Amino acid sequence: MKRQFLLLSLFLLPLISFAANWPPEVDQMVKATKQSVKLIDIKAFKRVVDNPGDALIIDVREPHEYYNGYIKGAINIPRGLIEFRIWKQLGFPEKINKDQQIYLYCRLSGRSALAAKSLTSLGLKNVTAVDMTTADWEAAGYTFEF
């Protein structure tokens, strides 16, 4: 089922316009947010994926995007729910580890930056957004899990 959805997505992708469906203020907000959160590039992120240790790798895309292919070790917590669902990953309700290293990624890097800002605003101390696109990941020859 997952492969069928992936194949359908690959067929439809050229037909879908990637033009922004939002006003430029959204891009300006994302750009400003990226200046206020910790970012890493694709090469640094690949090193984390290869040797994550205790770090959490979180895919903040929607579930249907995640199931079309995700980066090894990533768990899916959509950006729209991350403020509510992150706590279980951090030990709630026993003891919350606000020092947990967290890496966030998404398709174009905007959602991961906005999610990083939200988590930082909640007092989490080691949140990093990955400044890359999933197309960059694939172009670099890195793989996705299914």
N, C-alpha and C. Protein backbone atom coordinates (compact mmCIF):
# COMPACT_ATOMS: atom_id res chain seq x y z
N MET A 1 0.82 -1.19 0.00
CA MET A 1 0.00 0.00 0.00
C MET A 1 0.87 1.27 0.00
N LYS A 2 1.91 1.26 0.86
CA LYS A 2 2.79 2.43 0.94
C LYS A 2 3.49 2.67 -0.40
N ARG A 3 3.96 1.57 -1.03
CA ARG A 3 4.66 1.71 -2.31
C ARG A 3 3.72 2.22 -3.39
N GLN A 4 2.47 1.76 -3.37
CA GLN A 4 1.50 2.23 -4.36
C GLN A 4 1.27 3.73 -4.21
N PHE A 5 1.16 4.17 -2.96
CA PHE A 5 0.95 5.60 -2.71
C PHE A 5 2.17 6.39 -3.14
N LEU A 6 3.37 5.84 -2.88
CA LEU A 6 4.60 6.50 -3.30
C LEU A 6 4.66 6.61 -4.82
N LEU A 7 4.35 5.52 -5.51
CA LEU A 7 4.38 5.56 -6.97
C LEU A 7 3.37 6.55 -7.51
N LEU A 8 2.18 6.58 -6.93
CA LEU A 8 1.17 7.54 -7.35
C LEU A 8 1.66 8.97 -7.11
N SER A 9 2.31 9.19 -5.96
CA SER A 9 2.84 10.52 -5.65
C SER A 9 3.91 10.93 -6.65
N LEU A 10 4.79 10.00 -6.98
CA LEU A 10 5.86 10.31 -7.94
C LEU A 10 5.29 10.63 -9.32
N PHE A 11 4.21 9.99 -9.69
CA PHE A 11 3.56 10.26 -10.96
C PHE A 11 2.90 11.63 -10.95
N LEU A 12 2.29 11.98 -9.82
CA LEU A 12 1.54 13.23 -9.74
C LEU A 12 2.42 14.45 -9.46
N LEU A 13 3.60 14.24 -8.87
CA LEU A 13 4.44 15.38 -8.51
C LEU A 13 4.71 16.33 -9.66
N PRO A 14 5.05 15.84 -10.85
CA PRO A 14 5.30 16.80 -11.94
C PRO A 14 4.06 17.60 -12.31
N LEU A 15 2.89 17.09 -11.97
CA LEU A 15 1.66 17.78 -12.33
C LEU A 15 1.26 18.85 -11.31
N ILE A 16 1.87 18.78 -10.15
CA ILE A 16 1.52 19.69 -9.08
C ILE A 16 2.45 20.90 -9.12
N SER A 17 1.88 22.06 -9.05
CA SER A 17 2.68 23.28 -9.02
C SER A 17 3.25 23.48 -7.62
N PHE A 18 4.55 23.76 -7.57
CA PHE A 18 5.17 24.04 -6.28
C PHE A 18 5.20 25.53 -5.98
N ALA A 19 4.48 26.29 -6.77
CA ALA A 19 4.39 27.73 -6.50
C ALA A 19 3.74 27.93 -5.14
N ALA A 20 4.20 28.90 -4.42
CA ALA A 20 3.66 29.18 -3.09
C ALA A 20 2.18 29.53 -3.19
N ASN A 21 1.43 28.93 -2.31
CA ASN A 21 0.00 29.21 -2.22
C ASN A 21 -0.29 30.09 -1.02
N TRP A 22 0.62 31.01 -0.76
CA TRP A 22 0.48 31.91 0.36
C TRP A 22 1.15 33.23 0.02
N PRO A 23 0.79 34.28 0.74
CA PRO A 23 1.39 35.59 0.46
C PRO A 23 2.85 35.64 0.93
N PRO A 24 3.62 36.60 0.44
CA PRO A 24 5.04 36.70 0.79
C PRO A 24 5.29 36.90 2.29
N GLU A 25 4.29 37.37 3.02
CA GLU A 25 4.47 37.55 4.46
C GLU A 25 4.80 36.23 5.16
N VAL A 26 4.29 35.14 4.62
CA VAL A 26 4.58 33.83 5.22
C VAL A 26 6.06 33.50 5.04
N ASP A 27 6.58 33.71 3.85
CA ASP A 27 8.00 33.46 3.61
C ASP A 27 8.87 34.37 4.48
N GLN A 28 8.43 35.61 4.66
CA GLN A 28 9.17 36.54 5.52
C GLN A 28 9.17 36.05 6.97
N MET A 29 8.03 35.51 7.42
CA MET A 29 7.95 35.00 8.78
C MET A 29 8.88 33.79 8.96
N VAL A 30 8.89 32.90 7.98
CA VAL A 30 9.76 31.72 8.05
C VAL A 30 11.22 32.16 8.06
N LYS A 31 11.57 33.12 7.21
CA LYS A 31 12.95 33.61 7.16
C LYS A 31 13.37 34.21 8.51
N ALA A 32 12.50 35.00 9.10
CA ALA A 32 12.80 35.59 10.42
C ALA A 32 12.91 34.51 11.48
N THR A 33 12.05 33.51 11.40
CA THR A 33 12.10 32.41 12.37
C THR A 33 13.41 31.66 12.25
N LYS A 34 13.86 31.42 11.04
CA LYS A 34 15.13 30.71 10.84
C LYS A 34 16.30 31.47 11.45
N GLN A 35 16.18 32.79 11.54
CA GLN A 35 17.25 33.58 12.15
C GLN A 35 17.21 33.49 13.68
N SER A 36 16.10 32.98 14.22
CA SER A 36 15.95 32.95 15.68
C SER A 36 16.06 31.55 16.28
N VAL A 37 16.25 30.53 15.44
CA VAL A 37 16.37 29.17 15.94
C VAL A 37 17.70 28.58 15.50
N LYS A 38 18.08 27.50 16.16
CA LYS A 38 19.31 26.81 15.78
C LYS A 38 19.03 25.98 14.54
N LEU A 39 19.91 26.12 13.53
CA LEU A 39 19.79 25.40 12.27
C LEU A 39 21.04 24.58 12.01
N ILE A 40 20.87 23.46 11.30
CA ILE A 40 22.02 22.73 10.77
C ILE A 40 21.74 22.43 9.30
N ASP A 41 22.81 22.18 8.57
CA ASP A 41 22.65 21.88 7.15
C ASP A 41 22.56 20.38 6.94
N ILE A 42 22.41 19.98 5.69
CA ILE A 42 22.20 18.59 5.34
C ILE A 42 23.38 17.69 5.73
N LYS A 43 24.60 18.17 5.57
CA LYS A 43 25.78 17.35 5.91
C LYS A 43 25.84 17.07 7.41
N ALA A 44 25.59 18.09 8.21
CA ALA A 44 25.58 17.90 9.67
C ALA A 44 24.44 16.97 10.09
N PHE A 45 23.30 17.13 9.44
CA PHE A 45 22.16 16.27 9.76
C PHE A 45 22.44 14.82 9.38
N LYS A 46 23.09 14.59 8.25
CA LYS A 46 23.43 13.22 7.85
C LYS A 46 24.30 12.56 8.90
N ARG A 47 25.22 13.31 9.50
CA ARG A 47 26.06 12.76 10.57
C ARG A 47 25.20 12.36 11.77
N VAL A 48 24.18 13.16 12.08
CA VAL A 48 23.27 12.84 13.19
C VAL A 48 22.48 11.57 12.85
N VAL A 49 21.96 11.49 11.64
CA VAL A 49 21.18 10.31 11.23
C VAL A 49 22.04 9.05 11.30
N ASP A 50 23.29 9.16 10.90
CA ASP A 50 24.19 8.01 10.93
C ASP A 50 24.58 7.59 12.34
N ASN A 51 24.57 8.54 13.27
CA ASN A 51 24.96 8.25 14.65
C ASN A 51 24.12 9.11 15.59
N PRO A 52 22.82 8.78 15.76
CA PRO A 52 21.93 9.65 16.53
C PRO A 52 22.13 9.64 18.04
N GLY A 53 22.76 8.60 18.56
CA GLY A 53 22.87 8.52 20.02
C GLY A 53 21.47 8.58 20.62
N ASP A 54 21.27 9.46 21.59
CA ASP A 54 19.97 9.61 22.24
C ASP A 54 19.10 10.68 21.58
N ALA A 55 19.58 11.29 20.52
CA ALA A 55 18.84 12.39 19.88
C ALA A 55 17.53 11.89 19.28
N LEU A 56 16.53 12.75 19.34
CA LEU A 56 15.26 12.49 18.67
C LEU A 56 15.30 13.13 17.30
N ILE A 57 14.93 12.38 16.28
CA ILE A 57 14.79 12.91 14.93
C ILE A 57 13.30 12.91 14.65
N ILE A 58 12.76 14.09 14.41
CA ILE A 58 11.31 14.21 14.24
C ILE A 58 10.99 14.80 12.87
N ASP A 59 10.14 14.07 12.17
CA ASP A 59 9.61 14.50 10.88
C ASP A 59 8.31 15.23 11.19
N VAL A 60 8.26 16.53 10.94
CA VAL A 60 7.08 17.33 11.30
C VAL A 60 6.07 17.45 10.16
N ARG A 61 6.25 16.65 9.11
CA ARG A 61 5.28 16.65 8.01
C ARG A 61 4.01 15.92 8.45
N GLU A 62 3.01 15.99 7.60
CA GLU A 62 1.75 15.29 7.86
C GLU A 62 1.95 13.78 7.69
N PRO A 63 1.13 12.97 8.35
CA PRO A 63 1.31 11.51 8.27
C PRO A 63 1.39 10.96 6.85
N HIS A 64 0.56 11.43 5.93
CA HIS A 64 0.61 10.89 4.57
C HIS A 64 1.95 11.21 3.89
N GLU A 65 2.57 12.33 4.25
CA GLU A 65 3.89 12.65 3.70
C GLU A 65 4.94 11.71 4.30
N TYR A 66 4.85 11.50 5.60
CA TYR A 66 5.78 10.63 6.31
C TYR A 66 5.75 9.21 5.73
N TYR A 67 4.57 8.68 5.52
CA TYR A 67 4.44 7.31 5.03
C TYR A 67 4.88 7.14 3.58
N ASN A 68 5.08 8.23 2.88
CA ASN A 68 5.63 8.16 1.52
C ASN A 68 7.15 8.06 1.53
N GLY A 69 7.74 8.14 2.69
CA GLY A 69 9.19 8.01 2.83
C GLY A 69 9.70 8.97 3.87
N TYR A 70 10.44 8.44 4.82
CA TYR A 70 10.98 9.24 5.92
C TYR A 70 12.44 8.89 6.11
N ILE A 71 13.13 9.74 6.82
CA ILE A 71 14.55 9.55 7.08
C ILE A 71 14.73 8.55 8.23
N LYS A 72 15.69 7.68 8.07
CA LYS A 72 15.96 6.61 9.03
C LYS A 72 15.97 7.15 10.47
N GLY A 73 15.20 6.48 11.33
CA GLY A 73 15.17 6.82 12.74
C GLY A 73 14.16 7.90 13.10
N ALA A 74 13.54 8.50 12.11
CA ALA A 74 12.62 9.61 12.39
C ALA A 74 11.27 9.10 12.88
N ILE A 75 10.71 9.83 13.83
CA ILE A 75 9.34 9.60 14.25
C ILE A 75 8.50 10.74 13.69
N ASN A 76 7.23 10.50 13.51
CA ASN A 76 6.36 11.50 12.92
C ASN A 76 5.53 12.18 13.99
N ILE A 77 5.74 13.48 14.13
CA ILE A 77 4.87 14.32 14.95
C ILE A 77 4.59 15.55 14.10
N PRO A 78 3.39 15.64 13.50
CA PRO A 78 3.10 16.79 12.64
C PRO A 78 3.26 18.12 13.36
N ARG A 79 3.69 19.11 12.61
CA ARG A 79 3.91 20.44 13.18
C ARG A 79 2.68 20.95 13.92
N GLY A 80 1.52 20.71 13.40
CA GLY A 80 0.30 21.21 14.03
C GLY A 80 -0.03 20.55 15.35
N LEU A 81 0.68 19.48 15.70
CA LEU A 81 0.42 18.76 16.95
C LEU A 81 1.65 18.67 17.85
N ILE A 82 2.75 19.19 17.40
CA ILE A 82 4.01 18.95 18.11
C ILE A 82 4.00 19.47 19.55
N GLU A 83 3.36 20.60 19.77
CA GLU A 83 3.34 21.15 21.14
C GLU A 83 2.60 20.23 22.11
N PHE A 84 1.72 19.40 21.59
CA PHE A 84 0.93 18.49 22.42
C PHE A 84 1.52 17.10 22.50
N ARG A 85 2.18 16.64 21.44
CA ARG A 85 2.65 15.26 21.37
C ARG A 85 4.12 15.05 21.70
N ILE A 86 4.90 16.10 21.84
CA ILE A 86 6.33 15.95 22.11
C ILE A 86 6.60 15.40 23.51
N TRP A 87 5.71 15.66 24.43
CA TRP A 87 5.96 15.38 25.84
C TRP A 87 6.20 13.91 26.14
N LYS A 88 5.47 13.02 25.51
CA LYS A 88 5.67 11.59 25.73
C LYS A 88 7.10 11.20 25.36
N GLN A 89 7.63 11.79 24.31
CA GLN A 89 9.00 11.51 23.87
C GLN A 89 10.04 12.03 24.88
N LEU A 90 9.62 12.99 25.69
CA LEU A 90 10.53 13.61 26.66
C LEU A 90 10.37 13.08 28.08
N GLY A 91 9.53 12.05 28.25
CA GLY A 91 9.40 11.41 29.55
C GLY A 91 8.19 11.77 30.37
N PHE A 92 7.29 12.58 29.85
CA PHE A 92 6.08 12.95 30.57
C PHE A 92 5.26 11.70 30.85
N PRO A 93 4.67 11.53 32.00
CA PRO A 93 4.52 12.49 33.09
C PRO A 93 5.56 12.35 34.19
N GLU A 94 6.39 11.29 34.14
CA GLU A 94 7.34 11.06 35.24
C GLU A 94 8.35 12.20 35.38
N LYS A 95 9.22 12.31 34.41
CA LYS A 95 10.25 13.36 34.47
C LYS A 95 10.51 13.84 33.05
N ILE A 96 10.27 15.11 32.82
CA ILE A 96 10.44 15.68 31.49
C ILE A 96 11.89 16.11 31.30
N ASN A 97 12.49 15.63 30.22
CA ASN A 97 13.86 15.99 29.89
C ASN A 97 13.85 17.15 28.90
N LYS A 98 13.92 18.36 29.42
CA LYS A 98 13.91 19.54 28.54
C LYS A 98 15.27 19.77 27.88
N ASP A 99 16.27 18.96 28.23
CA ASP A 99 17.59 19.05 27.62
C ASP A 99 17.78 18.06 26.48
N GLN A 100 16.76 17.25 26.18
CA GLN A 100 16.83 16.25 25.11
C GLN A 100 17.20 16.92 23.79
N GLN A 101 18.16 16.33 23.08
CA GLN A 101 18.53 16.84 21.77
C GLN A 101 17.46 16.42 20.77
N ILE A 102 16.91 17.40 20.05
CA ILE A 102 15.83 17.17 19.10
C ILE A 102 16.21 17.80 17.76
N TYR A 103 16.05 17.03 16.69
CA TYR A 103 16.27 17.52 15.33
C TYR A 103 14.95 17.41 14.58
N LEU A 104 14.55 18.49 13.93
CA LEU A 104 13.29 18.56 13.21
C LEU A 104 13.54 18.77 11.73
N TYR A 105 12.81 18.03 10.90
CA TYR A 105 12.89 18.27 9.47
C TYR A 105 11.51 18.18 8.84
N CYS A 106 11.39 18.73 7.62
CA CYS A 106 10.14 18.68 6.86
C CYS A 106 10.49 18.71 5.37
N ARG A 107 9.52 18.93 4.53
CA ARG A 107 9.75 18.89 3.08
C ARG A 107 10.55 20.08 2.58
N LEU A 108 10.24 21.30 3.05
CA LEU A 108 10.89 22.50 2.52
C LEU A 108 11.70 23.28 3.54
N SER A 109 11.64 22.91 4.79
CA SER A 109 12.37 23.48 5.93
C SER A 109 11.61 24.57 6.70
N GLY A 110 10.48 25.03 6.17
CA GLY A 110 9.71 26.06 6.88
C GLY A 110 9.00 25.53 8.11
N ARG A 111 8.32 24.40 7.97
CA ARG A 111 7.60 23.83 9.12
C ARG A 111 8.55 23.43 10.24
N SER A 112 9.72 22.92 9.87
CA SER A 112 10.66 22.51 10.92
C SER A 112 11.17 23.73 11.69
N ALA A 113 11.41 24.83 11.01
CA ALA A 113 11.84 26.05 11.69
C ALA A 113 10.74 26.57 12.62
N LEU A 114 9.51 26.61 12.13
CA LEU A 114 8.40 27.09 12.96
C LEU A 114 8.16 26.16 14.15
N ALA A 115 8.30 24.86 13.95
CA ALA A 115 8.15 23.91 15.06
C ALA A 115 9.27 24.09 16.07
N ALA A 116 10.49 24.34 15.59
CA ALA A 116 11.61 24.58 16.50
C ALA A 116 11.36 25.79 17.38
N LYS A 117 10.82 26.84 16.79
CA LYS A 117 10.51 28.03 17.56
C LYS A 117 9.47 27.73 18.64
N SER A 118 8.45 26.97 18.28
CA SER A 118 7.41 26.62 19.25
C SER A 118 7.98 25.81 20.42
N LEU A 119 8.80 24.82 20.10
CA LEU A 119 9.36 23.98 21.16
C LEU A 119 10.32 24.76 22.05
N THR A 120 11.09 25.64 21.44
CA THR A 120 11.98 26.50 22.21
C THR A 120 11.18 27.42 23.13
N SER A 121 10.06 27.92 22.62
CA SER A 121 9.18 28.78 23.44
C SER A 121 8.59 28.03 24.62
N LEU A 122 8.49 26.70 24.50
CA LEU A 122 7.98 25.88 25.59
C LEU A 122 9.07 25.51 26.60
N GLY A 123 10.27 26.00 26.38
CA GLY A 123 11.35 25.77 27.34
C GLY A 123 12.28 24.63 27.00
N LEU A 124 12.15 24.01 25.84
CA LEU A 124 13.07 22.96 25.44
C LEU A 124 14.37 23.62 25.00
N LYS A 125 15.49 23.04 25.42
CA LYS A 125 16.76 23.74 25.30
C LYS A 125 17.64 23.32 24.12
N ASN A 126 17.42 22.14 23.57
CA ASN A 126 18.31 21.62 22.52
C ASN A 126 17.53 21.23 21.27
N VAL A 127 16.87 22.20 20.70
CA VAL A 127 16.03 21.98 19.52
C VAL A 127 16.75 22.56 18.30
N THR A 128 16.85 21.75 17.26
CA THR A 128 17.55 22.16 16.04
C THR A 128 16.66 21.86 14.84
N ALA A 129 16.51 22.84 13.96
CA ALA A 129 15.79 22.64 12.71
C ALA A 129 16.81 22.34 11.61
N VAL A 130 16.45 21.42 10.74
CA VAL A 130 17.33 21.07 9.63
C VAL A 130 16.97 21.96 8.45
N ASP A 131 17.94 22.72 7.99
CA ASP A 131 17.73 23.67 6.89
C ASP A 131 18.06 22.99 5.57
N MET A 132 17.10 22.18 5.11
CA MET A 132 17.23 21.44 3.85
C MET A 132 15.83 21.07 3.38
N THR A 133 15.75 20.61 2.16
CA THR A 133 14.49 20.06 1.67
C THR A 133 14.65 18.55 1.54
N THR A 134 13.54 17.85 1.50
CA THR A 134 13.64 16.40 1.29
C THR A 134 14.17 16.12 -0.12
N ALA A 135 13.93 17.02 -1.06
CA ALA A 135 14.51 16.87 -2.40
C ALA A 135 16.04 16.99 -2.33
N ASP A 136 16.56 17.87 -1.47
CA ASP A 136 18.01 17.99 -1.26
C ASP A 136 18.57 16.66 -0.75
N TRP A 137 17.85 16.07 0.20
CA TRP A 137 18.27 14.79 0.80
C TRP A 137 18.39 13.72 -0.28
N GLU A 138 17.37 13.63 -1.09
CA GLU A 138 17.36 12.63 -2.16
C GLU A 138 18.43 12.93 -3.21
N ALA A 139 18.59 14.19 -3.58
CA ALA A 139 19.60 14.59 -4.57
C ALA A 139 21.02 14.27 -4.10
N ALA A 140 21.22 14.29 -2.78
CA ALA A 140 22.54 13.97 -2.22
C ALA A 140 22.80 12.46 -2.23
N GLY A 141 21.79 11.69 -2.65
CA GLY A 141 21.96 10.23 -2.71
C GLY A 141 21.61 9.53 -1.41
N TYR A 142 21.02 10.26 -0.48
CA TYR A 142 20.63 9.66 0.79
C TYR A 142 19.25 9.00 0.64
N THR A 143 19.01 8.00 1.44
CA THR A 143 17.81 7.18 1.27
C THR A 143 16.68 7.54 2.24
N PHE A 144 15.51 7.04 1.89
CA PHE A 144 14.32 7.15 2.74
C PHE A 144 13.88 5.75 3.15
N GLU A 145 13.29 5.67 4.30
CA GLU A 145 12.70 4.42 4.79
C GLU A 145 11.22 4.43 4.41
N PHE A 146 10.64 3.24 4.35
CA PHE A 146 9.21 3.11 4.06
C PHE A 146 8.56 2.17 5.04
